[in-house]
């Protein structure tokens, strides 16, 4: 039975993997030794999900629109089920996320994958977010310090 900590860790891994670039996942997959063997239980398929929002962030929910997602389910040779849900239509990326999900549930592989896949993916995301914030900050206008020309 999975503990709450295991569930939170798996949720974090899936979130990081889903946001990682396909190139990073392909490179990491090529480096995994021994090479993972797995069976595709549900091939990657693309569909739509309804994205919901809240008025003001806390108010009543409303349907914002639809978003394309791709999902895949695999089974490792140890019998562990891995799932991959990603935004967009990249079927190979969804499969890679599912494979890494299954591998990260293996206690013998998890620490290495945490260091070599999850940590670098998180670091790249932080760097991208910092670059976006820096670009936005460069165009920020503080209207309280702008003087009127009267």
C-alpha atoms as a PDB file:
ATOM      1  CA  UNK A   1       0.000   0.000   0.000  1.00  0.00           C
ATOM      2  CA  UNK A   2       1.383   3.414  -0.957  1.00  0.00           C
ATOM      3  CA  UNK A   3       1.868   5.887   1.856  1.00  0.00           C
ATOM      4  CA  UNK A   4       0.948   9.541   1.622  1.00  0.00           C
ATOM      5  CA  UNK A   5       4.646  10.382   1.256  1.00  0.00           C
ATOM      6  CA  UNK A   6       5.012   7.899  -1.629  1.00  0.00           C
ATOM      7  CA  UNK A   7       1.958   9.386  -3.315  1.00  0.00           C
ATOM      8  CA  UNK A   8       3.267  12.949  -2.933  1.00  0.00           C
ATOM      9  CA  UNK A   9       6.675  11.906  -4.282  1.00  0.00           C
ATOM     10  CA  UNK A  10       5.077  10.201  -7.283  1.00  0.00           C
ATOM     11  CA  UNK A  11       2.885  13.248  -7.970  1.00  0.00           C
ATOM     12  CA  UNK A  12       5.992  15.458  -7.882  1.00  0.00           C
ATOM     13  CA  UNK A  13       7.871  13.130 -10.248  1.00  0.00           C
ATOM     14  CA  UNK A  14       4.962  13.023 -12.700  1.00  0.00           C
ATOM     15  CA  UNK A  15       4.613  16.814 -12.644  1.00  0.00           C
ATOM     16  CA  UNK A  16       8.333  17.313 -13.284  1.00  0.00           C
ATOM     17  CA  UNK A  17       8.411  14.699 -16.058  1.00  0.00           C
ATOM     18  CA  UNK A  18       5.315  16.105 -17.768  1.00  0.00           C
ATOM     19  CA  UNK A  19       6.874  19.589 -17.871  1.00  0.00           C
ATOM     20  CA  UNK A  20      10.332  18.395 -18.950  1.00  0.00           C
ATOM     21  CA  UNK A  21      11.364  18.659 -22.565  1.00  0.00           C
ATOM     22  CA  UNK A  22      11.237  15.573 -24.732  1.00  0.00           C
ATOM     23  CA  UNK A  23      14.938  15.914 -25.513  1.00  0.00           C
ATOM     24  CA  UNK A  24      15.875  15.713 -21.835  1.00  0.00           C
ATOM     25  CA  UNK A  25      13.712  12.609 -21.412  1.00  0.00           C
ATOM     26  CA  UNK A  26      15.149  10.942 -24.536  1.00  0.00           C
ATOM     27  CA  UNK A  27      18.718  11.646 -23.361  1.00  0.00           C
ATOM     28  CA  UNK A  28      17.988  10.317 -19.874  1.00  0.00           C
ATOM     29  CA  UNK A  29      16.287   7.211 -21.274  1.00  0.00           C
ATOM     30  CA  UNK A  30      19.329   6.446 -23.432  1.00  0.00           C
ATOM     31  CA  UNK A  31      21.574   6.574 -20.337  1.00  0.00           C
ATOM     32  CA  UNK A  32      19.505   4.244 -18.129  1.00  0.00           C
ATOM     33  CA  UNK A  33      21.438   1.028 -17.544  1.00  0.00           C
ATOM     34  CA  UNK A  34      20.422  -1.688 -17.778  1.00  0.00           C
ATOM     35  CA  UNK A  35      18.096  -0.540 -20.530  1.00  0.00           C
ATOM     36  CA  UNK A  36      14.519  -0.675 -19.276  1.00  0.00           C
ATOM     37  CA  UNK A  37      12.250  -3.278 -20.803  1.00  0.00           C
ATOM     38  CA  UNK A  38       8.553  -2.588 -20.694  1.00  0.00           C
ATOM     39  CA  UNK A  39       5.256  -3.472 -22.290  1.00  0.00           C
ATOM     40  CA  UNK A  40       2.798  -0.856 -23.520  1.00  0.00           C
ATOM     41  CA  UNK A  41      -0.516  -1.543 -21.775  1.00  0.00           C
ATOM     42  CA  UNK A  42      -2.391   1.384 -23.324  1.00  0.00           C
ATOM     43  CA  UNK A  43      -0.715   2.991 -26.338  1.00  0.00           C
ATOM     44  CA  UNK A  44      -0.360   6.751 -26.263  1.00  0.00           C
ATOM     45  CA  UNK A  45      -3.602   8.422 -27.256  1.00  0.00           C
ATOM     46  CA  UNK A  46      -4.536  12.061 -27.588  1.00  0.00           C
ATOM     47  CA  UNK A  47      -7.765  13.600 -26.378  1.00  0.00           C
ATOM     48  CA  UNK A  48      -9.283  16.674 -24.806  1.00  0.00           C
ATOM     49  CA  UNK A  49      -9.901  17.649 -21.193  1.00  0.00           C
ATOM     50  CA  UNK A  50     -11.964  20.539 -19.910  1.00  0.00           C
ATOM     51  CA  UNK A  51      -9.898  23.150 -18.099  1.00  0.00           C
ATOM     52  CA  UNK A  52     -11.753  24.787 -15.229  1.00  0.00           C
ATOM     53  CA  UNK A  53     -11.013  28.065 -13.520  1.00  0.00           C
ATOM     54  CA  UNK A  54     -12.291  30.039 -10.547  1.00  0.00           C
ATOM     55  CA  UNK A  55     -13.465  33.627 -10.679  1.00  0.00           C
ATOM     56  CA  UNK A  56     -10.877  35.650  -8.803  1.00  0.00           C
ATOM     57  CA  UNK A  57      -8.969  32.482  -7.954  1.00  0.00           C
ATOM     58  CA  UNK A  58     -11.348  31.608  -5.124  1.00  0.00           C
ATOM     59  CA  UNK A  59     -14.868  32.128  -6.495  1.00  0.00           C
ATOM     60  CA  UNK A  60     -17.200  29.822  -8.339  1.00  0.00           C
ATOM     61  CA  UNK A  61     -15.821  27.403 -10.906  1.00  0.00           C
ATOM     62  CA  UNK A  62     -16.349  27.900 -14.612  1.00  0.00           C
ATOM     63  CA  UNK A  63     -15.306  26.038 -17.756  1.00  0.00           C
ATOM     64  CA  UNK A  64     -12.435  27.936 -19.354  1.00  0.00           C
ATOM     65  CA  UNK A  65     -11.974  25.748 -22.408  1.00  0.00           C
ATOM     66  CA  UNK A  66     -10.555  22.497 -23.690  1.00  0.00           C
ATOM     67  CA  UNK A  67      -6.918  21.425 -23.682  1.00  0.00           C
ATOM     68  CA  UNK A  68      -5.217  18.676 -25.678  1.00  0.00           C
ATOM     69  CA  UNK A  69      -3.570  15.956 -23.578  1.00  0.00           C
ATOM     70  CA  UNK A  70      -1.862  12.674 -24.394  1.00  0.00           C
ATOM     71  CA  UNK A  71      -1.748   9.670 -22.083  1.00  0.00           C
ATOM     72  CA  UNK A  72       0.028   6.334 -22.056  1.00  0.00           C
ATOM     73  CA  UNK A  73       0.251   3.338 -19.685  1.00  0.00           C
ATOM     74  CA  UNK A  74       3.166   0.884 -19.528  1.00  0.00           C
ATOM     75  CA  UNK A  75       4.155  -2.108 -17.392  1.00  0.00           C
ATOM     76  CA  UNK A  76       7.787  -2.696 -16.452  1.00  0.00           C
ATOM     77  CA  UNK A  77       9.257  -6.181 -16.545  1.00  0.00           C
ATOM     78  CA  UNK A  78       8.841  -6.210 -12.725  1.00  0.00           C
ATOM     79  CA  UNK A  79       5.094  -5.680 -13.211  1.00  0.00           C
ATOM     80  CA  UNK A  80       5.009  -2.035 -12.073  1.00  0.00           C
ATOM     81  CA  UNK A  81       2.442   0.138 -13.861  1.00  0.00           C
ATOM     82  CA  UNK A  82       3.592   3.558 -15.042  1.00  0.00           C
ATOM     83  CA  UNK A  83       1.347   6.300 -16.391  1.00  0.00           C
ATOM     84  CA  UNK A  84       2.137   9.375 -18.429  1.00  0.00           C
ATOM     85  CA  UNK A  85      -0.158  12.361 -18.966  1.00  0.00           C
ATOM     86  CA  UNK A  86       1.215  15.364 -20.839  1.00  0.00           C
ATOM     87  CA  UNK A  87      -0.149  18.554 -22.337  1.00  0.00           C
ATOM     88  CA  UNK A  88      -0.135  18.420 -26.123  1.00  0.00           C
ATOM     89  CA  UNK A  89       0.140  15.683 -28.732  1.00  0.00           C
ATOM     90  CA  UNK A  90       3.646  14.231 -28.244  1.00  0.00           C
ATOM     91  CA  UNK A  91       2.970  10.501 -28.002  1.00  0.00           C
ATOM     92  CA  UNK A  92       6.611   9.528 -27.525  1.00  0.00           C
ATOM     93  CA  UNK A  93       6.957  11.964 -24.614  1.00  0.00           C
ATOM     94  CA  UNK A  94       3.835  10.508 -22.947  1.00  0.00           C
ATOM     95  CA  UNK A  95       5.362   7.029 -23.290  1.00  0.00           C
ATOM     96  CA  UNK A  96       8.680   8.193 -21.829  1.00  0.00           C
ATOM     97  CA  UNK A  97       6.898   9.792 -18.862  1.00  0.00           C
ATOM     98  CA  UNK A  98       5.054   6.509 -18.256  1.00  0.00           C
ATOM     99  CA  UNK A  99       8.305   4.503 -18.441  1.00  0.00           C
ATOM    100  CA  UNK A 100      10.055   6.841 -16.003  1.00  0.00           C
ATOM    101  CA  UNK A 101       7.023   6.688 -13.698  1.00  0.00           C
ATOM    102  CA  UNK A 102       7.344   2.897 -13.578  1.00  0.00           C
ATOM    103  CA  UNK A 103      11.127   3.068 -13.094  1.00  0.00           C
ATOM    104  CA  UNK A 104      10.852   5.654 -10.303  1.00  0.00           C
ATOM    105  CA  UNK A 105       8.589   3.277  -8.374  1.00  0.00           C
ATOM    106  CA  UNK A 106      11.458   0.753  -8.251  1.00  0.00           C
ATOM    107  CA  UNK A 107      13.401   1.412  -5.010  1.00  0.00           C
ATOM    108  CA  UNK A 108      16.655   0.164  -6.591  1.00  0.00           C
ATOM    109  CA  UNK A 109      16.457   2.698  -9.460  1.00  0.00           C
ATOM    110  CA  UNK A 110      14.667   5.619  -7.825  1.00  0.00           C
ATOM    111  CA  UNK A 111      17.639   7.373  -6.122  1.00  0.00           C
ATOM    112  CA  UNK A 112      19.725   7.379  -9.312  1.00  0.00           C
ATOM    113  CA  UNK A 113      16.825   8.602 -11.454  1.00  0.00           C
ATOM    114  CA  UNK A 114      16.021  11.279  -8.886  1.00  0.00           C
ATOM    115  CA  UNK A 115      19.592  12.602  -9.264  1.00  0.00           C
ATOM    116  CA  UNK A 116      19.986  12.150 -13.016  1.00  0.00           C
ATOM    117  CA  UNK A 117      16.503  12.936 -14.366  1.00  0.00           C
ATOM    118  CA  UNK A 118      14.241  14.662 -11.849  1.00  0.00           C
ATOM    119  CA  UNK A 119      16.759  17.094 -10.314  1.00  0.00           C
ATOM    120  CA  UNK A 120      18.119  18.333 -13.692  1.00  0.00           C
ATOM    121  CA  UNK A 121      14.581  18.721 -15.072  1.00  0.00           C
ATOM    122  CA  UNK A 122      13.560  20.754 -12.019  1.00  0.00           C
ATOM    123  CA  UNK A 123      16.684  22.897 -12.340  1.00  0.00           C
ATOM    124  CA  UNK A 124      16.012  23.620 -16.038  1.00  0.00           C
ATOM    125  CA  UNK A 125      12.438  24.600 -15.217  1.00  0.00           C
ATOM    126  CA  UNK A 126      13.600  26.966 -12.459  1.00  0.00           C
ATOM    127  CA  UNK A 127      16.098  28.550 -14.857  1.00  0.00           C
ATOM    128  CA  UNK A 128      13.435  29.015 -17.552  1.00  0.00           C
ATOM    129  CA  UNK A 129      11.034  30.547 -15.052  1.00  0.00           C
ATOM    130  CA  UNK A 130      13.741  32.916 -13.747  1.00  0.00           C
ATOM    131  CA  UNK A 131      14.525  34.030 -17.305  1.00  0.00           C
ATOM    132  CA  UNK A 132      10.839  34.701 -17.989  1.00  0.00           C
ATOM    133  CA  UNK A 133      10.497  36.674 -14.742  1.00  0.00           C
ATOM    134  CA  UNK A 134      13.622  38.690 -15.584  1.00  0.00           C
ATOM    135  CA  UNK A 135      12.284  39.595 -19.040  1.00  0.00           C
ATOM    136  CA  UNK A 136       8.941  40.603 -17.537  1.00  0.00           C
ATOM    137  CA  UNK A 137      10.612  42.648 -14.782  1.00  0.00           C
ATOM    138  CA  UNK A 138      12.634  44.570 -17.375  1.00  0.00           C
ATOM    139  CA  UNK A 139       9.407  45.940 -18.859  1.00  0.00           C
ATOM    140  CA  UNK A 140       7.679  46.659 -15.560  1.00  0.00           C
ATOM    141  CA  UNK A 141       6.368  50.167 -15.016  1.00  0.00           C
ATOM    142  CA  UNK A 142       5.772  51.483 -11.524  1.00  0.00           C
ATOM    143  CA  UNK A 143       2.894  53.890 -12.034  1.00  0.00           C
ATOM    144  CA  UNK A 144       3.275  55.404  -8.578  1.00  0.00           C
ATOM    145  CA  UNK A 145       6.652  56.894  -9.497  1.00  0.00           C
ATOM    146  CA  UNK A 146       5.727  58.254 -12.909  1.00  0.00           C
ATOM    147  CA  UNK A 147       5.333  62.029 -12.689  1.00  0.00           C
ATOM    148  CA  UNK A 148       2.786  63.865 -14.688  1.00  0.00           C
ATOM    149  CA  UNK A 149       4.123  66.613 -16.907  1.00  0.00           C
ATOM    150  CA  UNK A 150       2.007  69.488 -15.567  1.00  0.00           C
END
